[in-house]
Protein backbone atom coordinates (compact mmCIF):
# COMPACT_ATOMS: atom_id res chain seq x y z
CA MET A 1 107.86 75.59 35.04
CA ASN A 2 104.65 75.35 37.26
CA VAL A 3 101.40 74.25 35.37
CA ASN A 4 97.97 73.58 36.70
CA TYR A 5 95.62 71.04 35.22
CA VAL A 6 92.01 69.86 35.70
CA LEU A 7 91.72 66.11 35.51
CA LYS A 8 88.55 64.04 35.55
CA VAL A 9 88.73 60.42 36.17
CA GLU A 10 86.43 57.44 36.58
CA ASP A 11 86.90 54.68 39.10
CA ALA A 12 90.18 55.85 40.45
CA LYS A 13 91.32 56.81 43.89
CA LEU A 14 93.28 60.04 44.44
CA SER A 15 96.33 58.06 45.63
CA ASP A 16 96.18 55.85 42.44
CA VAL A 17 96.24 59.10 40.31
CA GLN A 18 99.20 60.46 42.20
CA LYS A 19 101.14 57.23 41.87
CA ALA A 20 100.56 56.89 38.15
CA LEU A 21 101.65 60.41 37.59
CA GLN A 22 104.93 59.93 39.57
CA GLN A 23 105.57 56.62 37.84
CA ALA A 24 105.36 58.69 34.62
CA GLY A 25 108.10 60.83 35.85
CA ILE A 26 105.80 63.85 36.65
CA LYS A 27 106.56 65.63 39.79
CA VAL A 28 103.24 66.16 41.64
CA ARG A 29 103.20 69.17 44.15
CA SER A 30 99.48 68.78 45.18
CA ILE A 31 96.13 67.20 44.22
CA GLN A 32 92.85 68.61 45.32
CA GLU A 33 89.44 66.88 45.07
CA VAL A 34 87.08 69.69 44.11
CA TYR A 35 83.94 67.75 43.10
CA LYS A 36 82.68 64.18 43.43
CA GLU A 37 79.93 63.37 40.97
CA GLY A 38 77.34 60.74 41.73
CA GLN A 39 78.01 60.57 45.56
CA LYS A 40 74.42 61.00 46.42
CA GLU A 41 73.30 58.34 44.08
CA GLU A 42 75.70 55.85 45.51
CA ALA A 43 74.66 56.55 49.06
CA VAL A 44 70.96 55.88 48.02
CA LYS A 45 71.92 52.58 46.29
CA GLU A 46 73.85 51.42 49.56
CA GLY A 47 70.89 52.44 51.92
């Protein structure tokens, strides 16, 4: 069965999410980043 989910995370890298799912026995076909919230705010703080 193929199922699509939307997942929102805080303070996690894409690779960390994929590893966690695989360790839980979940076969991951693909992960796509569709929106990164707060990226502009972080750039202002760094500059």
